[in-house]
Amino acid sequence: MMSDRLMRILIVLFLLAVVRQVAAQPAEVQPPKGSALRTFLGLFTISGSVGYGATFSSHKFNGPALITNPGSATLMFDGSAPVGDTIALAYANWMAFPQPVNGVPVDTNSFLLRTDTAAIKYRSVGQQLPVNLSVHITIDRYRIGGGFSFEPYFTGRYKPDNFKEELGTFRPAYNLSHYTRWHGLLGVEVFRSKRYTLVVEATVGTYKLKKKDYNPDIIKRSIFFNLGARFEKSLSEYVRLFARPAFEYKNYTITSPESGVALTQQLPAFYFTLGLSWRLPDLRRCPIGNCHTQKDHHHGGKVYRSRMHPFWKWQDPDYGENYPRLIRYKGKNKRKLNPY
């Protein structure tokens, strides 16, 4: 499949980027900074995030027919099928897991609509709560990586854009479902300072729908494309907080069995996520228990990071950077003659 081939290409590009970054290290002799393994691991950043998403689902009827009987949900059937006192085969829940309904009665109280003469579009707004995990490497200002997402999905009610009273609304057979997805990641840092970074980031990949709610045998999924801006604040050399608004597009086509009616569900979406990223340390923490050095320093010809700072503080800080306010000016100490 095209999506599997794309994922293989992204994985190969990711591995090539890692090799290139390692090979690009300066050739001149430098003071040792750590083991080769730590230097390699220091190229990687792991990110986790949670957030909110809204999907603006829609599908258009242009050929199939719809029928509504009093007290019954709207059903879809093949627009070319003959209509007499009954319709031989129609479908409920047509956009997820079509359920066949045989012998649908047709009488004077029925509302019958052929969409080849009056096209109808149904729209719905669903909500997601995405949980994301990704890993990337940074080469100069460029990022490449991949990740996994799990998204609980709350469906909304589908409403027609015309004949609203006659057709009414409907909801799929489930209220809560979920997506799972794998993606490749490409990004570029358009602004970078010691404390703040702005990254324009694109992810491309595949997604899967819950089999219990969506019939995988009759659904053909597209790849998804997600474009966002990642606003990062550095807490230390290794830890960053970030916010990421993004827009996404994907779709799938579902073909009802027997009738062969195919409908395409458009799924544009907006996401906003908050997360934490952690770059794997390229320096080992100082192993000497009574060492109070607060910056990167040497022991035995090797460089270590300080053991005095928690991971969310700068490990190699400038003077007063981690604690800019003196103890004497904090809290109740301000009222003491000798806060020390």
C-alpha atoms as a PDB file:
ATOM      1  CA  MET A   1       0.000   0.000   0.000  1.00  0.00           C
ATOM      2  CA  MET A   2       1.035   3.597  -0.619  1.00  0.00           C
ATOM      3  CA  SER A   3       0.897   4.481   3.095  1.00  0.00           C
ATOM      4  CA  ASP A   4       3.207   1.576   4.049  1.00  0.00           C
ATOM      5  CA  ARG A   5       5.678   2.588   1.343  1.00  0.00           C
ATOM      6  CA  LEU A   6       5.647   6.179   2.605  1.00  0.00           C
ATOM      7  CA  MET A   7       6.396   5.070   6.164  1.00  0.00           C
ATOM      8  CA  ARG A   8       9.356   2.970   4.963  1.00  0.00           C
ATOM      9  CA  ILE A   9      10.756   5.973   3.081  1.00  0.00           C
ATOM     10  CA  LEU A  10      10.424   8.184   6.171  1.00  0.00           C
ATOM     11  CA  ILE A  11      12.211   5.595   8.333  1.00  0.00           C
ATOM     12  CA  VAL A  12      15.103   5.383   5.834  1.00  0.00           C
ATOM     13  CA  LEU A  13      15.388   9.195   5.752  1.00  0.00           C
ATOM     14  CA  PHE A  14      15.422   9.271   9.551  1.00  0.00           C
ATOM     15  CA  LEU A  15      18.273   6.734   9.758  1.00  0.00           C
ATOM     16  CA  LEU A  16      20.260   8.553   7.070  1.00  0.00           C
ATOM     17  CA  ALA A  17      19.884  11.803   8.996  1.00  0.00           C
ATOM     18  CA  VAL A  18      21.227  10.156  12.161  1.00  0.00           C
ATOM     19  CA  VAL A  19      24.266   8.807  10.301  1.00  0.00           C
ATOM     20  CA  ARG A  20      24.896  12.203   8.701  1.00  0.00           C
ATOM     21  CA  GLN A  21      24.735  14.005  12.052  1.00  0.00           C
ATOM     22  CA  VAL A  22      27.188  11.603  13.667  1.00  0.00           C
ATOM     23  CA  ALA A  23      29.565  11.789  10.679  1.00  0.00           C
ATOM     24  CA  ALA A  24      29.436  15.593  10.718  1.00  0.00           C
ATOM     25  CA  GLN A  25      31.133  15.899  14.115  1.00  0.00           C
ATOM     26  CA  PRO A  26      34.356  18.013  13.925  1.00  0.00           C
ATOM     27  CA  ALA A  27      37.454  16.000  13.197  1.00  0.00           C
ATOM     28  CA  GLU A  28      39.860  18.064  15.358  1.00  0.00           C
ATOM     29  CA  VAL A  29      40.800  16.727  18.784  1.00  0.00           C
ATOM     30  CA  GLN A  30      38.571  18.099  21.527  1.00  0.00           C
ATOM     31  CA  PRO A  31      38.393  17.487  25.272  1.00  0.00           C
ATOM     32  CA  PRO A  32      36.372  14.323  25.875  1.00  0.00           C
ATOM     33  CA  LYS A  33      32.745  15.126  26.738  1.00  0.00           C
ATOM     34  CA  GLY A  34      31.359  11.675  27.389  1.00  0.00           C
ATOM     35  CA  SER A  35      31.049   8.224  25.918  1.00  0.00           C
ATOM     36  CA  ALA A  36      30.251   7.682  22.248  1.00  0.00           C
ATOM     37  CA  LEU A  37      26.930   6.153  23.309  1.00  0.00           C
ATOM     38  CA  ARG A  38      25.943   9.255  25.276  1.00  0.00           C
ATOM     39  CA  THR A  39      26.999  11.494  22.413  1.00  0.00           C
ATOM     40  CA  PHE A  40      24.760   9.474  20.099  1.00  0.00           C
ATOM     41  CA  LEU A  41      21.826   9.427  22.529  1.00  0.00           C
ATOM     42  CA  GLY A  42      22.186  13.185  22.974  1.00  0.00           C
ATOM     43  CA  LEU A  43      20.980  13.635  19.405  1.00  0.00           C
ATOM     44  CA  PHE A  44      17.503  12.384  20.323  1.00  0.00           C
ATOM     45  CA  THR A  45      14.592  14.293  21.840  1.00  0.00           C
ATOM     46  CA  ILE A  46      11.507  12.516  23.209  1.00  0.00           C
ATOM     47  CA  SER A  47       8.225  14.453  23.318  1.00  0.00           C
ATOM     48  CA  GLY A  48       4.885  13.694  24.939  1.00  0.00           C
ATOM     49  CA  SER A  49       1.732  15.768  24.719  1.00  0.00           C
ATOM     50  CA  VAL A  50      -2.011  15.783  25.325  1.00  0.00           C
ATOM     51  CA  GLY A  51      -4.651  18.138  24.023  1.00  0.00           C
ATOM     52  CA  TYR A  52      -7.939  18.749  22.283  1.00  0.00           C
ATOM     53  CA  GLY A  53      -9.065  18.315  18.704  1.00  0.00           C
ATOM     54  CA  ALA A  54     -12.177  19.107  16.685  1.00  0.00           C
ATOM     55  CA  THR A  55     -12.960  17.238  13.452  1.00  0.00           C
ATOM     56  CA  PHE A  56     -15.364  18.834  10.971  1.00  0.00           C
ATOM     57  CA  SER A  57     -16.742  15.720   9.272  1.00  0.00           C
ATOM     58  CA  SER A  58     -18.818  15.873   6.112  1.00  0.00           C
ATOM     59  CA  HIS A  59     -20.001  13.607   3.317  1.00  0.00           C
ATOM     60  CA  LYS A  60     -22.026  14.413   0.227  1.00  0.00           C
ATOM     61  CA  PHE A  61     -24.766  12.407  -1.460  1.00  0.00           C
ATOM     62  CA  ASN A  62     -24.816  12.813  -5.212  1.00  0.00           C
ATOM     63  CA  GLY A  63     -26.483   9.740  -6.655  1.00  0.00           C
ATOM     64  CA  PRO A  64     -27.634   7.539  -3.751  1.00  0.00           C
ATOM     65  CA  ALA A  65     -31.192   8.028  -2.468  1.00  0.00           C
ATOM     66  CA  LEU A  66     -32.551   8.609   1.041  1.00  0.00           C
ATOM     67  CA  ILE A  67     -35.827   7.565   2.646  1.00  0.00           C
ATOM     68  CA  THR A  68     -37.394   8.516   5.965  1.00  0.00           C
ATOM     69  CA  ASN A  69     -40.511   6.942   7.453  1.00  0.00           C
ATOM     70  CA  PRO A  70     -42.329   8.374  10.491  1.00  0.00           C
ATOM     71  CA  GLY A  71     -40.697   7.189  13.704  1.00  0.00           C
ATOM     72  CA  SER A  72     -37.709   5.701  11.859  1.00  0.00           C
ATOM     73  CA  ALA A  73     -34.172   6.895  11.125  1.00  0.00           C
ATOM     74  CA  THR A  74     -33.199   7.996   7.649  1.00  0.00           C
ATOM     75  CA  LEU A  75     -31.900   5.171   5.458  1.00  0.00           C
ATOM     76  CA  MET A  76     -29.705   5.224   2.366  1.00  0.00           C
ATOM     77  CA  PHE A  77     -30.172   3.046  -0.720  1.00  0.00           C
ATOM     78  CA  ASP A  78     -28.949   2.763  -4.300  1.00  0.00           C
ATOM     79  CA  GLY A  79     -30.497   5.591  -6.308  1.00  0.00           C
ATOM     80  CA  SER A  80     -30.847   3.363  -9.384  1.00  0.00           C
ATOM     81  CA  ALA A  81     -32.775   0.660  -7.501  1.00  0.00           C
ATOM     82  CA  PRO A  82     -36.500   0.267  -8.373  1.00  0.00           C
ATOM     83  CA  VAL A  83     -38.974   1.692  -5.849  1.00  0.00           C
ATOM     84  CA  GLY A  84     -42.435   0.142  -5.389  1.00  0.00           C
ATOM     85  CA  ASP A  85     -44.345  -0.605  -2.216  1.00  0.00           C
ATOM     86  CA  THR A  86     -41.005  -1.521  -0.642  1.00  0.00           C
ATOM     87  CA  ILE A  87     -37.294  -0.926  -1.172  1.00  0.00           C
ATOM     88  CA  ALA A  88     -35.479  -4.220  -1.294  1.00  0.00           C
ATOM     89  CA  LEU A  89     -32.270  -3.094   0.464  1.00  0.00           C
ATOM     90  CA  ALA A  90     -31.296   0.048   2.355  1.00  0.00           C
ATOM     91  CA  TYR A  91     -28.634   0.892   4.945  1.00  0.00           C
ATOM     92  CA  ALA A  92     -28.469   2.557   8.347  1.00  0.00           C
ATOM     93  CA  ASN A  93     -25.202   3.789   9.919  1.00  0.00           C
ATOM     94  CA  TRP A  94     -23.827   4.139   6.392  1.00  0.00           C
ATOM     95  CA  MET A  95     -20.689   6.139   7.234  1.00  0.00           C
ATOM     96  CA  ALA A  96     -19.137   3.725   9.727  1.00  0.00           C
ATOM     97  CA  PHE A  97     -20.518   0.177   9.730  1.00  0.00           C
ATOM     98  CA  PRO A  98     -23.442  -0.065   7.259  1.00  0.00           C
ATOM     99  CA  GLN A  99     -26.313  -2.128   8.636  1.00  0.00           C
ATOM    100  CA  PRO A 100     -28.598  -3.634   5.934  1.00  0.00           C
ATOM    101  CA  VAL A 101     -32.345  -3.143   6.270  1.00  0.00           C
ATOM    102  CA  ASN A 102     -34.490  -5.311   3.998  1.00  0.00           C
ATOM    103  CA  GLY A 103     -37.984  -4.591   2.725  1.00  0.00           C
ATOM    104  CA  VAL A 104     -38.268  -0.912   3.711  1.00  0.00           C
ATOM    105  CA  PRO A 105     -41.947   0.126   3.269  1.00  0.00           C
ATOM    106  CA  VAL A 106     -42.837   3.053   0.994  1.00  0.00           C
ATOM    107  CA  ASP A 107     -46.194   4.819   1.395  1.00  0.00           C
ATOM    108  CA  THR A 108     -47.709   8.285   1.326  1.00  0.00           C
ATOM    109  CA  ASN A 109     -46.066   9.181   4.650  1.00  0.00           C
ATOM    110  CA  SER A 110     -42.580   8.348   3.410  1.00  0.00           C
ATOM    111  CA  PHE A 111     -40.145  11.113   2.480  1.00  0.00           C
ATOM    112  CA  LEU A 112     -38.111   9.959  -0.517  1.00  0.00           C
ATOM    113  CA  LEU A 113     -35.192  11.966  -1.904  1.00  0.00           C
ATOM    114  CA  ARG A 114     -33.092  11.134  -4.941  1.00  0.00           C
ATOM    115  CA  THR A 115     -29.798  13.009  -4.575  1.00  0.00           C
ATOM    116  CA  ASP A 116     -28.920  12.896  -8.276  1.00  0.00           C
ATOM    117  CA  THR A 117     -31.347  15.815  -8.639  1.00  0.00           C
ATOM    118  CA  ALA A 118     -30.919  17.391  -5.166  1.00  0.00           C
ATOM    119  CA  ALA A 119     -27.472  16.816  -3.675  1.00  0.00           C
ATOM    120  CA  ILE A 120     -27.335  16.651   0.124  1.00  0.00           C
ATOM    121  CA  LYS A 121     -24.348  17.134   2.411  1.00  0.00           C
ATOM    122  CA  TYR A 122     -24.281  15.946   6.013  1.00  0.00           C
ATOM    123  CA  ARG A 123     -21.991  17.693   8.494  1.00  0.00           C
ATOM    124  CA  SER A 124     -20.883  16.911  12.018  1.00  0.00           C
ATOM    125  CA  VAL A 125     -18.338  18.168  14.573  1.00  0.00           C
ATOM    126  CA  GLY A 126     -16.567  15.504  16.592  1.00  0.00           C
ATOM    127  CA  GLN A 127     -14.120  15.974  19.446  1.00  0.00           C
ATOM    128  CA  GLN A 128     -10.829  14.199  20.173  1.00  0.00           C
ATOM    129  CA  LEU A 129      -8.511  13.993  23.171  1.00  0.00           C
ATOM    130  CA  PRO A 130      -5.173  13.074  21.564  1.00  0.00           C
ATOM    131  CA  VAL A 131      -2.279  11.516  23.480  1.00  0.00           C
ATOM    132  CA  ASN A 132       0.956  11.805  21.477  1.00  0.00           C
ATOM    133  CA  LEU A 133       4.454  10.359  21.788  1.00  0.00           C
ATOM    134  CA  SER A 134       7.265  11.182  19.349  1.00  0.00           C
ATOM    135  CA  VAL A 135      11.042  11.150  18.948  1.00  0.00           C
ATOM    136  CA  HIS A 136      13.195  13.329  16.687  1.00  0.00           C
ATOM    137  CA  ILE A 137      16.756  14.434  16.066  1.00  0.00           C
ATOM    138  CA  THR A 138      17.822  18.003  15.309  1.00  0.00           C
ATOM    139  CA  ILE A 139      20.339  18.726  12.548  1.00  0.00           C
ATOM    140  CA  ASP A 140      21.271  22.410  12.590  1.00  0.00           C
ATOM    141  CA  ARG A 141      17.745  23.928  12.467  1.00  0.00           C
ATOM    142  CA  TYR A 142      16.016  20.916  10.941  1.00  0.00           C
ATOM    143  CA  ARG A 143      14.150  18.128  12.706  1.00  0.00           C
ATOM    144  CA  ILE A 144      13.272  14.666  11.509  1.00  0.00           C
ATOM    145  CA  GLY A 145      11.559  11.882  13.417  1.00  0.00           C
ATOM    146  CA  GLY A 146       8.343   9.985  13.947  1.00  0.00           C
ATOM    147  CA  GLY A 147       5.728   9.121  16.505  1.00  0.00           C
ATOM    148  CA  PHE A 148       2.536   7.434  17.656  1.00  0.00           C
ATOM    149  CA  SER A 149      -0.835   8.836  18.740  1.00  0.00           C
ATOM    150  CA  PHE A 150      -3.907   7.467  20.462  1.00  0.00           C
ATOM    151  CA  GLU A 151      -7.093   9.541  20.157  1.00  0.00           C
ATOM    152  CA  PRO A 152     -10.386   8.911  21.931  1.00  0.00           C
ATOM    153  CA  TYR A 153     -13.059  10.325  19.614  1.00  0.00           C
ATOM    154  CA  PHE A 154     -16.496  11.612  20.627  1.00  0.00           C
ATOM    155  CA  THR A 155     -18.846  11.707  17.661  1.00  0.00           C
ATOM    156  CA  GLY A 156     -21.281  14.515  16.972  1.00  0.00           C
ATOM    157  CA  ARG A 157     -24.723  14.449  15.358  1.00  0.00           C
ATOM    158  CA  TYR A 158     -24.864  14.603  11.548  1.00  0.00           C
ATOM    159  CA  LYS A 159     -27.122  17.327  10.181  1.00  0.00           C
ATOM    160  CA  PRO A 160     -28.198  17.757   6.530  1.00  0.00           C
ATOM    161  CA  ASP A 161     -27.685  21.104   4.803  1.00  0.00           C
ATOM    162  CA  ASN A 162     -31.157  20.882   3.213  1.00  0.00           C
ATOM    163  CA  PHE A 163     -34.528  19.237   3.967  1.00  0.00           C
ATOM    164  CA  LYS A 164     -33.589  19.425   7.638  1.00  0.00           C
ATOM    165  CA  GLU A 165     -37.066  18.743   9.028  1.00  0.00           C
ATOM    166  CA  GLU A 166     -37.793  15.863   6.651  1.00  0.00           C
ATOM    167  CA  LEU A 167     -34.439  14.079   7.027  1.00  0.00           C
ATOM    168  CA  GLY A 168     -33.677  14.951  10.639  1.00  0.00           C
ATOM    169  CA  THR A 169     -30.316  14.238  12.243  1.00  0.00           C
ATOM    170  CA  PHE A 170     -28.518  11.035  13.065  1.00  0.00           C
ATOM    171  CA  ARG A 171     -25.605   9.797  15.097  1.00  0.00           C
ATOM    172  CA  PRO A 172     -23.464   6.718  14.311  1.00  0.00           C
ATOM    173  CA  ALA A 173     -24.053   3.579  16.355  1.00  0.00           C
ATOM    174  CA  TYR A 174     -21.305   4.611  18.806  1.00  0.00           C
ATOM    175  CA  ASN A 175     -20.782   7.708  20.958  1.00  0.00           C
ATOM    176  CA  LEU A 176     -17.115   7.057  21.737  1.00  0.00           C
ATOM    177  CA  SER A 177     -14.514   5.479  19.480  1.00  0.00           C
ATOM    178  CA  HIS A 178     -10.780   5.997  18.919  1.00  0.00           C
ATOM    179  CA  TYR A 179      -8.022   6.442  16.332  1.00  0.00           C
ATOM    180  CA  THR A 180      -4.501   5.060  16.457  1.00  0.00           C
ATOM    181  CA  ARG A 181      -1.841   6.470  14.169  1.00  0.00           C
ATOM    182  CA  TRP A 182       1.833   6.337  13.202  1.00  0.00           C
ATOM    183  CA  HIS A 183       3.514   9.284  11.542  1.00  0.00           C
ATOM    184  CA  GLY A 184       6.759  10.708  10.225  1.00  0.00           C
ATOM    185  CA  LEU A 185       7.837  14.190  11.262  1.00  0.00           C
ATOM    186  CA  LEU A 186       9.692  17.005   9.490  1.00  0.00           C
ATOM    187  CA  GLY A 187      10.273  20.428  11.031  1.00  0.00           C
ATOM    188  CA  VAL A 188      12.371  23.574  10.778  1.00  0.00           C
ATOM    189  CA  GLU A 189      13.251  25.999  13.582  1.00  0.00           C
ATOM    190  CA  VAL A 190      12.357  29.450  12.215  1.00  0.00           C
ATOM    191  CA  PHE A 191      13.291  31.229  15.458  1.00  0.00           C
ATOM    192  CA  ARG A 192      15.659  30.069  18.180  1.00  0.00           C
ATOM    193  CA  SER A 193      17.084  31.684  21.301  1.00  0.00           C
ATOM    194  CA  LYS A 194      18.356  30.240  24.560  1.00  0.00           C
ATOM    195  CA  ARG A 195      14.882  30.177  26.106  1.00  0.00           C
ATOM    196  CA  TYR A 196      12.416  30.201  23.201  1.00  0.00           C
ATOM    197  CA  THR A 197      12.073  28.300  19.923  1.00  0.00           C
ATOM    198  CA  LEU A 198       9.449  28.415  17.178  1.00  0.00           C
ATOM    199  CA  VAL A 199       9.208  25.357  14.938  1.00  0.00           C
ATOM    200  CA  VAL A 200       7.094  24.909  11.810  1.00  0.00           C
ATOM    201  CA  GLU A 201       6.319  21.212  11.787  1.00  0.00           C
ATOM    202  CA  ALA A 202       4.589  18.767   9.442  1.00  0.00           C
ATOM    203  CA  THR A 203       3.577  15.187  10.159  1.00  0.00           C
ATOM    204  CA  VAL A 204       2.450  12.654   7.564  1.00  0.00           C
ATOM    205  CA  GLY A 205       1.303   9.128   8.285  1.00  0.00           C
ATOM    206  CA  THR A 206      -1.378   6.487   8.524  1.00  0.00           C
ATOM    207  CA  TYR A 207      -4.279   6.033  10.911  1.00  0.00           C
ATOM    208  CA  LYS A 208      -6.558   3.191  11.925  1.00  0.00           C
ATOM    209  CA  LEU A 209     -10.179   3.258  13.017  1.00  0.00           C
ATOM    210  CA  LYS A 210     -11.607   1.061  15.744  1.00  0.00           C
ATOM    211  CA  LYS A 211     -12.700  -2.192  14.071  1.00  0.00           C
ATOM    212  CA  LYS A 212     -15.743  -2.563  16.284  1.00  0.00           C
ATOM    213  CA  ASP A 213     -17.127   0.781  15.068  1.00  0.00           C
ATOM    214  CA  TYR A 214     -15.829   0.937  11.475  1.00  0.00           C
ATOM    215  CA  ASN A 215     -15.901  -1.959   9.038  1.00  0.00           C
ATOM    216  CA  PRO A 216     -12.270  -2.248   7.835  1.00  0.00           C
ATOM    217  CA  ASP A 217     -13.206  -4.554   4.940  1.00  0.00           C
ATOM    218  CA  ILE A 218     -15.121  -1.842   3.056  1.00  0.00           C
ATOM    219  CA  ILE A 219     -13.169   1.285   4.076  1.00  0.00           C
ATOM    220  CA  LYS A 220     -10.233   2.722   2.126  1.00  0.00           C
ATOM    221  CA  ARG A 221      -8.274   5.238   4.193  1.00  0.00           C
ATOM    222  CA  SER A 222      -6.084   8.046   2.892  1.00  0.00           C
ATOM    223  CA  ILE A 223      -2.869   9.123   4.577  1.00  0.00           C
ATOM    224  CA  PHE A 224      -3.203  12.138   6.868  1.00  0.00           C
ATOM    225  CA  PHE A 225      -1.290  15.429   6.637  1.00  0.00           C
ATOM    226  CA  ASN A 226      -0.861  17.660   9.685  1.00  0.00           C
ATOM    227  CA  LEU A 227       0.751  21.125   9.649  1.00  0.00           C
ATOM    228  CA  GLY A 228       1.402  23.012  12.882  1.00  0.00           C
ATOM    229  CA  ALA A 229       3.537  25.549  14.730  1.00  0.00           C
ATOM    230  CA  ARG A 230       5.335  24.421  17.877  1.00  0.00           C
ATOM    231  CA  PHE A 231       6.073  27.140  20.454  1.00  0.00           C
ATOM    232  CA  GLU A 232       8.739  25.952  22.900  1.00  0.00           C
ATOM    233  CA  LYS A 233      10.092  27.358  26.159  1.00  0.00           C
ATOM    234  CA  SER A 234      13.357  25.871  27.442  1.00  0.00           C
ATOM    235  CA  LEU A 235      13.486  25.092  31.152  1.00  0.00           C
ATOM    236  CA  SER A 236      17.006  23.693  30.815  1.00  0.00           C
ATOM    237  CA  GLU A 237      19.381  22.331  28.193  1.00  0.00           C
ATOM    238  CA  TYR A 238      17.341  19.134  28.145  1.00  0.00           C
ATOM    239  CA  VAL A 239      13.748  19.996  29.061  1.00  0.00           C
ATOM    240  CA  ARG A 240      11.221  22.131  27.172  1.00  0.00           C
ATOM    241  CA  LEU A 241       7.544  22.924  27.487  1.00  0.00           C
ATOM    242  CA  PHE A 242       5.632  23.429  24.251  1.00  0.00           C
ATOM    243  CA  ALA A 243       2.258  24.323  22.782  1.00  0.00           C
ATOM    244  CA  ARG A 244       1.289  23.208  19.271  1.00  0.00           C
ATOM    245  CA  PRO A 245      -1.768  24.415  17.317  1.00  0.00           C
ATOM    246  CA  ALA A 246      -2.228  22.513  14.054  1.00  0.00           C
ATOM    247  CA  PHE A 247      -4.542  21.840  11.122  1.00  0.00           C
ATOM    248  CA  GLU A 248      -4.999  18.371   9.657  1.00  0.00           C
ATOM    249  CA  TYR A 249      -6.620  16.769   6.641  1.00  0.00           C
ATOM    250  CA  LYS A 250      -7.587  13.152   5.991  1.00  0.00           C
ATOM    251  CA  ASN A 251     -10.495  11.195   4.506  1.00  0.00           C
ATOM    252  CA  TYR A 252     -11.776   7.722   3.872  1.00  0.00           C
ATOM    253  CA  THR A 253     -14.100   6.114   1.328  1.00  0.00           C
ATOM    254  CA  ILE A 254     -16.642   3.523   2.413  1.00  0.00           C
ATOM    255  CA  THR A 255     -18.410   1.216  -0.059  1.00  0.00           C
ATOM    256  CA  SER A 256     -21.637  -0.387   1.103  1.00  0.00           C
ATOM    257  CA  PRO A 257     -21.730  -4.133   0.456  1.00  0.00           C
ATOM    258  CA  GLU A 258     -24.074  -5.523  -2.220  1.00  0.00           C
ATOM    259  CA  SER A 259     -25.281  -2.104  -3.402  1.00  0.00           C
ATOM    260  CA  GLY A 260     -21.769  -0.851  -4.212  1.00  0.00           C
ATOM    261  CA  VAL A 261     -22.642   2.727  -3.155  1.00  0.00           C
ATOM    262  CA  ALA A 262     -19.406   4.583  -2.304  1.00  0.00           C
ATOM    263  CA  LEU A 263     -19.264   7.673  -0.089  1.00  0.00           C
ATOM    264  CA  THR A 264     -16.216   9.751   0.857  1.00  0.00           C
ATOM    265  CA  GLN A 265     -15.997  11.124   4.375  1.00  0.00           C
ATOM    266  CA  GLN A 266     -13.958  14.359   4.571  1.00  0.00           C
ATOM    267  CA  LEU A 267     -12.215  14.825   7.941  1.00  0.00           C
ATOM    268  CA  PRO A 268     -10.458  18.211   8.256  1.00  0.00           C
ATOM    269  CA  ALA A 269      -9.517  18.919  11.861  1.00  0.00           C
ATOM    270  CA  PHE A 270      -7.970  21.444  14.231  1.00  0.00           C
ATOM    271  CA  TYR A 271      -5.754  20.432  17.167  1.00  0.00           C
ATOM    272  CA  PHE A 272      -4.209  22.199  20.138  1.00  0.00           C
ATOM    273  CA  THR A 273      -1.788  20.237  22.321  1.00  0.00           C
ATOM    274  CA  LEU A 274       0.446  20.958  25.309  1.00  0.00           C
ATOM    275  CA  GLY A 275       3.504  18.877  26.014  1.00  0.00           C
ATOM    276  CA  LEU A 276       6.936  18.299  27.457  1.00  0.00           C
ATOM    277  CA  SER A 277      10.089  17.332  25.568  1.00  0.00           C
ATOM    278  CA  TRP A 278      13.277  15.834  26.975  1.00  0.00           C
ATOM    279  CA  ARG A 279      16.562  15.659  25.110  1.00  0.00           C
ATOM    280  CA  LEU A 280      18.602  12.681  26.268  1.00  0.00           C
ATOM    281  CA  PRO A 281      21.629  14.008  28.254  1.00  0.00           C
ATOM    282  CA  ASP A 282      24.924  13.846  26.389  1.00  0.00           C
ATOM    283  CA  LEU A 283      26.879  14.264  29.655  1.00  0.00           C
ATOM    284  CA  ARG A 284      26.845  11.907  32.598  1.00  0.00           C
ATOM    285  CA  ARG A 285      25.836  13.332  35.966  1.00  0.00           C
ATOM    286  CA  CYS A 286      28.845  13.861  38.261  1.00  0.00           C
ATOM    287  CA  PRO A 287      29.431  10.593  40.186  1.00  0.00           C
ATOM    288  CA  ILE A 288      31.155  12.235  43.161  1.00  0.00           C
ATOM    289  CA  GLY A 289      28.609  12.555  45.955  1.00  0.00           C
ATOM    290  CA  ASN A 290      30.185  15.532  47.733  1.00  0.00           C
ATOM    291  CA  CYS A 291      30.935  17.528  44.555  1.00  0.00           C
ATOM    292  CA  HIS A 292      29.116  20.874  44.742  1.00  0.00           C
ATOM    293  CA  THR A 293      30.251  22.268  41.398  1.00  0.00           C
ATOM    294  CA  GLN A 294      27.273  23.921  39.707  1.00  0.00           C
ATOM    295  CA  LYS A 295      28.535  23.940  36.090  1.00  0.00           C
ATOM    296  CA  ASP A 296      29.880  21.400  33.620  1.00  0.00           C
ATOM    297  CA  HIS A 297      33.283  20.376  34.948  1.00  0.00           C
ATOM    298  CA  HIS A 298      36.186  17.913  34.610  1.00  0.00           C
ATOM    299  CA  HIS A 299      37.124  14.873  36.662  1.00  0.00           C
ATOM    300  CA  GLY A 300      39.866  12.554  35.470  1.00  0.00           C
ATOM    301  CA  GLY A 301      39.940  13.943  31.944  1.00  0.00           C
ATOM    302  CA  LYS A 302      36.153  13.629  31.449  1.00  0.00           C
ATOM    303  CA  VAL A 303      33.420  16.246  31.516  1.00  0.00           C
ATOM    304  CA  TYR A 304      30.391  15.823  33.775  1.00  0.00           C
ATOM    305  CA  ARG A 305      27.269  17.854  34.391  1.00  0.00           C
ATOM    306  CA  SER A 306      26.487  19.195  37.833  1.00  0.00           C
ATOM    307  CA  ARG A 307      24.638  17.065  40.348  1.00  0.00           C
ATOM    308  CA  MET A 308      23.329  20.170  42.139  1.00  0.00           C
ATOM    309  CA  HIS A 309      20.406  21.031  39.852  1.00  0.00           C
ATOM    310  CA  PRO A 310      17.091  19.225  39.207  1.00  0.00           C
ATOM    311  CA  PHE A 311      16.477  18.238  35.586  1.00  0.00           C
ATOM    312  CA  TRP A 312      14.113  21.195  34.984  1.00  0.00           C
ATOM    313  CA  LYS A 313      16.868  23.712  35.877  1.00  0.00           C
ATOM    314  CA  TRP A 314      19.836  24.723  33.714  1.00  0.00           C
ATOM    315  CA  GLN A 315      22.622  22.183  34.168  1.00  0.00           C
ATOM    316  CA  ASP A 316      25.369  24.614  33.122  1.00  0.00           C
ATOM    317  CA  PRO A 317      23.874  27.928  34.328  1.00  0.00           C
ATOM    318  CA  ASP A 318      25.190  31.435  34.117  1.00  0.00           C
ATOM    319  CA  TYR A 319      25.613  33.340  37.382  1.00  0.00           C
ATOM    320  CA  GLY A 320      22.240  33.628  39.150  1.00  0.00           C
ATOM    321  CA  GLU A 321      20.354  32.090  36.206  1.00  0.00           C
ATOM    322  CA  ASN A 322      18.631  29.271  38.075  1.00  0.00           C
ATOM    323  CA  TYR A 323      17.836  31.318  41.189  1.00  0.00           C
ATOM    324  CA  PRO A 324      17.604  34.998  40.184  1.00  0.00           C
ATOM    325  CA  ARG A 325      15.895  36.032  43.449  1.00  0.00           C
ATOM    326  CA  LEU A 326      17.949  35.922  46.604  1.00  0.00           C
ATOM    327  CA  ILE A 327      16.611  33.867  49.506  1.00  0.00           C
ATOM    328  CA  ARG A 328      16.266  36.997  51.624  1.00  0.00           C
ATOM    329  CA  TYR A 329      13.597  38.361  49.236  1.00  0.00           C
ATOM    330  CA  LYS A 330      11.419  35.237  49.125  1.00  0.00           C
ATOM    331  CA  GLY A 331       8.205  34.733  51.122  1.00  0.00           C
ATOM    332  CA  LYS A 332       8.429  35.305  54.855  1.00  0.00           C
ATOM    333  CA  ASN A 333      12.157  35.929  54.639  1.00  0.00           C
ATOM    334  CA  LYS A 334      11.410  39.481  53.528  1.00  0.00           C
ATOM    335  CA  ARG A 335      10.300  40.291  57.120  1.00  0.00           C
ATOM    336  CA  LYS A 336      13.302  38.702  58.818  1.00  0.00           C
ATOM    337  CA  LEU A 337      16.399  40.616  59.882  1.00  0.00           C
ATOM    338  CA  ASN A 338      18.575  37.586  59.148  1.00  0.00           C
ATOM    339  CA  PRO A 339      16.864  35.171  56.721  1.00  0.00           C
ATOM    340  CA  TYR A 340      20.006  33.041  56.496  1.00  0.00           C
END
